[in-house]
Amino acid sequence: MSSFRCCAFVAGQRTQDDCDGDCDFQGGIKAVVWTDFLQGLVMVVSSFIVIILGLIHVGGFRSVLERNLEGGRIRELE
């Protein structure tokens, strides 16, 4: 029904082709938004996976903390 509201053949008004272009534009934007959302979700999930696997590989968070304290990269609170 919304596609029939723009059928105007008077100069200066929108034509049916203009309305079809708007629908295509809105559908394209919707696809881009969904793609960006899913890509962001994959990045966040994969970041957590890399952190967890890295901590497991080096022996846990305590091992990372001890190595950094010994190397002088972290100062202990006094």
N, C-alpha and C. Protein backbone atom coordinates (compact mmCIF):
# COMPACT_ATOMS: atom_id res chain seq x y z
N MET A 1 0.81 -1.19 0.00
CA MET A 1 0.00 0.00 0.00
C MET A 1 0.86 1.25 0.00
N SER A 2 1.99 1.22 0.69
CA SER A 2 2.84 2.40 0.75
C SER A 2 3.47 2.71 -0.59
N SER A 3 3.57 1.74 -1.48
CA SER A 3 4.18 2.01 -2.78
C SER A 3 3.25 2.80 -3.69
N PHE A 4 1.96 2.85 -3.40
CA PHE A 4 1.01 3.58 -4.23
C PHE A 4 0.84 5.02 -3.81
N ARG A 5 1.33 5.39 -2.65
CA ARG A 5 1.11 6.75 -2.18
C ARG A 5 1.95 7.79 -2.93
N CYS A 6 3.01 7.37 -3.61
CA CYS A 6 3.88 8.31 -4.29
C CYS A 6 3.64 8.41 -5.78
N CYS A 7 2.63 7.73 -6.29
CA CYS A 7 2.38 7.77 -7.73
C CYS A 7 1.87 9.14 -8.13
N ALA A 8 2.76 10.00 -8.51
CA ALA A 8 2.36 11.33 -8.95
C ALA A 8 3.06 11.63 -10.27
N PHE A 9 2.32 12.18 -11.19
CA PHE A 9 2.89 12.48 -12.49
C PHE A 9 2.94 13.98 -12.72
N VAL A 10 2.73 14.75 -11.67
CA VAL A 10 2.77 16.20 -11.77
C VAL A 10 4.22 16.65 -11.59
N ALA A 11 4.63 17.62 -12.36
CA ALA A 11 6.01 18.11 -12.27
C ALA A 11 6.27 18.65 -10.87
N GLY A 12 7.43 18.32 -10.33
CA GLY A 12 7.80 18.80 -9.01
C GLY A 12 7.44 17.85 -7.89
N GLN A 13 6.66 16.82 -8.17
CA GLN A 13 6.31 15.85 -7.15
C GLN A 13 7.06 14.56 -7.40
N ARG A 14 7.07 13.72 -6.43
CA ARG A 14 7.78 12.46 -6.52
C ARG A 14 7.05 11.47 -7.43
N THR A 15 7.82 10.66 -8.10
CA THR A 15 7.23 9.64 -8.96
C THR A 15 7.40 8.28 -8.28
N GLN A 16 6.81 7.27 -8.90
CA GLN A 16 6.90 5.91 -8.36
C GLN A 16 8.35 5.44 -8.29
N ASP A 17 9.15 5.80 -9.26
CA ASP A 17 10.55 5.40 -9.28
C ASP A 17 11.30 5.98 -8.08
N ASP A 18 10.97 7.20 -7.69
CA ASP A 18 11.61 7.80 -6.52
C ASP A 18 11.29 7.01 -5.25
N CYS A 19 10.04 6.59 -5.13
CA CYS A 19 9.64 5.83 -3.95
C CYS A 19 10.32 4.46 -3.90
N ASP A 20 10.46 3.83 -5.04
CA ASP A 20 11.15 2.53 -5.08
C ASP A 20 12.60 2.70 -4.66
N GLY A 21 13.21 3.80 -5.06
CA GLY A 21 14.59 4.06 -4.66
C GLY A 21 14.71 4.23 -3.16
N ASP A 22 13.72 4.88 -2.54
CA ASP A 22 13.75 5.03 -1.07
C ASP A 22 13.68 3.69 -0.38
N CYS A 23 12.83 2.78 -0.89
CA CYS A 23 12.72 1.46 -0.29
C CYS A 23 14.02 0.69 -0.43
N ASP A 24 14.66 0.81 -1.61
CA ASP A 24 15.95 0.15 -1.80
C ASP A 24 16.99 0.71 -0.84
N PHE A 25 16.98 2.02 -0.66
CA PHE A 25 17.94 2.67 0.23
C PHE A 25 17.74 2.20 1.67
N GLN A 26 16.49 2.15 2.12
CA GLN A 26 16.21 1.71 3.48
C GLN A 26 16.59 0.26 3.69
N GLY A 27 16.34 -0.58 2.71
CA GLY A 27 16.73 -1.98 2.81
C GLY A 27 18.24 -2.14 2.84
N GLY A 28 18.95 -1.31 2.07
CA GLY A 28 20.41 -1.35 2.06
C GLY A 28 20.98 -0.92 3.39
N ILE A 29 20.43 0.14 3.96
CA ILE A 29 20.89 0.62 5.27
C ILE A 29 20.64 -0.45 6.33
N LYS A 30 19.49 -1.10 6.27
CA LYS A 30 19.17 -2.16 7.24
C LYS A 30 20.19 -3.29 7.14
N ALA A 31 20.57 -3.66 5.93
CA ALA A 31 21.56 -4.72 5.73
C ALA A 31 22.92 -4.30 6.27
N VAL A 32 23.29 -3.05 6.07
CA VAL A 32 24.58 -2.55 6.58
C VAL A 32 24.59 -2.55 8.10
N VAL A 33 23.50 -2.11 8.71
CA VAL A 33 23.43 -2.07 10.17
C VAL A 33 23.55 -3.48 10.75
N TRP A 34 22.84 -4.44 10.18
CA TRP A 34 22.92 -5.82 10.67
C TRP A 34 24.33 -6.39 10.48
N THR A 35 24.95 -6.11 9.34
CA THR A 35 26.29 -6.60 9.08
C THR A 35 27.28 -6.01 10.08
N ASP A 36 27.18 -4.71 10.35
CA ASP A 36 28.07 -4.07 11.33
C ASP A 36 27.86 -4.64 12.72
N PHE A 37 26.62 -4.88 13.09
CA PHE A 37 26.32 -5.45 14.41
C PHE A 37 26.94 -6.83 14.56
N LEU A 38 26.73 -7.67 13.55
CA LEU A 38 27.27 -9.03 13.62
C LEU A 38 28.79 -9.03 13.60
N GLN A 39 29.40 -8.16 12.81
CA GLN A 39 30.85 -8.07 12.77
C GLN A 39 31.40 -7.61 14.12
N GLY A 40 30.75 -6.64 14.75
CA GLY A 40 31.17 -6.19 16.07
C GLY A 40 31.04 -7.28 17.11
N LEU A 41 29.96 -8.04 17.03
CA LEU A 41 29.75 -9.15 17.97
C LEU A 41 30.84 -10.20 17.81
N VAL A 42 31.19 -10.54 16.57
CA VAL A 42 32.25 -11.51 16.32
C VAL A 42 33.58 -10.99 16.86
N MET A 43 33.86 -9.71 16.70
CA MET A 43 35.12 -9.15 17.20
C MET A 43 35.21 -9.20 18.71
N VAL A 44 34.12 -8.87 19.39
CA VAL A 44 34.12 -8.88 20.86
C VAL A 44 34.28 -10.30 21.38
N VAL A 45 33.52 -11.24 20.83
CA VAL A 45 33.60 -12.63 21.26
C VAL A 45 34.99 -13.21 20.99
N SER A 46 35.54 -12.93 19.81
CA SER A 46 36.87 -13.46 19.48
C SER A 46 37.95 -12.83 20.35
N SER A 47 37.79 -11.57 20.75
CA SER A 47 38.76 -10.94 21.65
C SER A 47 38.78 -11.65 23.00
N PHE A 48 37.61 -11.96 23.53
CA PHE A 48 37.56 -12.69 24.79
C PHE A 48 38.16 -14.09 24.66
N ILE A 49 37.92 -14.73 23.54
CA ILE A 49 38.48 -16.07 23.32
C ILE A 49 40.00 -16.01 23.28
N VAL A 50 40.55 -15.00 22.60
CA VAL A 50 42.02 -14.85 22.52
C VAL A 50 42.60 -14.59 23.90
N ILE A 51 41.96 -13.76 24.70
CA ILE A 51 42.45 -13.47 26.05
C ILE A 51 42.43 -14.73 26.90
N ILE A 52 41.34 -15.45 26.86
CA ILE A 52 41.21 -16.67 27.68
C ILE A 52 42.22 -17.72 27.25
N LEU A 53 42.36 -17.96 25.94
CA LEU A 53 43.32 -18.95 25.47
C LEU A 53 44.76 -18.52 25.77
N GLY A 54 45.04 -17.24 25.67
CA GLY A 54 46.37 -16.74 26.01
C GLY A 54 46.70 -16.95 27.47
N LEU A 55 45.74 -16.68 28.35
CA LEU A 55 45.97 -16.89 29.78
C LEU A 55 46.17 -18.37 30.09
N ILE A 56 45.42 -19.22 29.45
CA ILE A 56 45.59 -20.66 29.65
C ILE A 56 46.97 -21.10 29.17
N HIS A 57 47.41 -20.57 28.04
CA HIS A 57 48.70 -20.96 27.44
C HIS A 57 49.89 -20.59 28.33
N VAL A 58 49.84 -19.44 28.99
CA VAL A 58 50.98 -19.00 29.81
C VAL A 58 50.87 -19.44 31.26
N GLY A 59 49.81 -20.08 31.64
CA GLY A 59 49.70 -20.59 32.99
C GLY A 59 48.75 -19.84 33.90
N GLY A 60 47.93 -19.02 33.35
CA GLY A 60 46.92 -18.32 34.14
C GLY A 60 47.27 -16.87 34.42
N PHE A 61 46.32 -16.17 35.02
CA PHE A 61 46.50 -14.74 35.30
C PHE A 61 47.61 -14.50 36.31
N ARG A 62 47.71 -15.38 37.29
CA ARG A 62 48.75 -15.21 38.32
C ARG A 62 50.14 -15.26 37.69
N SER A 63 50.36 -16.15 36.75
CA SER A 63 51.64 -16.26 36.07
C SER A 63 51.96 -14.98 35.29
N VAL A 64 50.97 -14.44 34.60
CA VAL A 64 51.16 -13.19 33.86
C VAL A 64 51.51 -12.06 34.82
N LEU A 65 50.80 -11.98 35.93
CA LEU A 65 51.06 -10.94 36.92
C LEU A 65 52.45 -11.07 37.52
N GLU A 66 52.87 -12.30 37.87
CA GLU A 66 54.20 -12.51 38.46
C GLU A 66 55.30 -12.15 37.46
N ARG A 67 55.16 -12.55 36.22
CA ARG A 67 56.17 -12.22 35.20
C ARG A 67 56.30 -10.71 35.02
N ASN A 68 55.20 -10.01 35.04
CA ASN A 68 55.26 -8.56 34.87
C ASN A 68 55.81 -7.86 36.10
N LEU A 69 55.53 -8.37 37.28
CA LEU A 69 56.12 -7.80 38.50
C LEU A 69 57.62 -8.01 38.52
N GLU A 70 58.09 -9.22 38.16
CA GLU A 70 59.51 -9.50 38.12
C GLU A 70 60.23 -8.68 37.07
N GLY A 71 59.60 -8.44 35.96
CA GLY A 71 60.21 -7.67 34.88
C GLY A 71 60.16 -6.17 35.10
N GLY A 72 59.52 -5.72 36.16
CA GLY A 72 59.44 -4.30 36.46
C GLY A 72 58.43 -3.54 35.62
N ARG A 73 57.52 -4.24 34.98
CA ARG A 73 56.51 -3.58 34.16
C ARG A 73 55.31 -3.12 34.97
N ILE A 74 55.18 -3.67 36.17
CA ILE A 74 54.09 -3.27 37.07
C ILE A 74 54.70 -2.94 38.42
N ARG A 75 54.32 -1.82 38.98
CA ARG A 75 54.78 -1.46 40.32
C ARG A 75 53.77 -1.95 41.34
N GLU A 76 54.25 -2.56 42.40
CA GLU A 76 53.36 -3.01 43.48
C GLU A 76 52.87 -1.81 44.28
N LEU A 77 51.66 -1.93 44.77
CA LEU A 77 51.15 -0.88 45.64
C LEU A 77 51.80 -0.98 47.00
N GLU A 78 52.21 0.13 47.53
CA GLU A 78 52.89 0.11 48.83
C GLU A 78 51.95 0.45 49.95
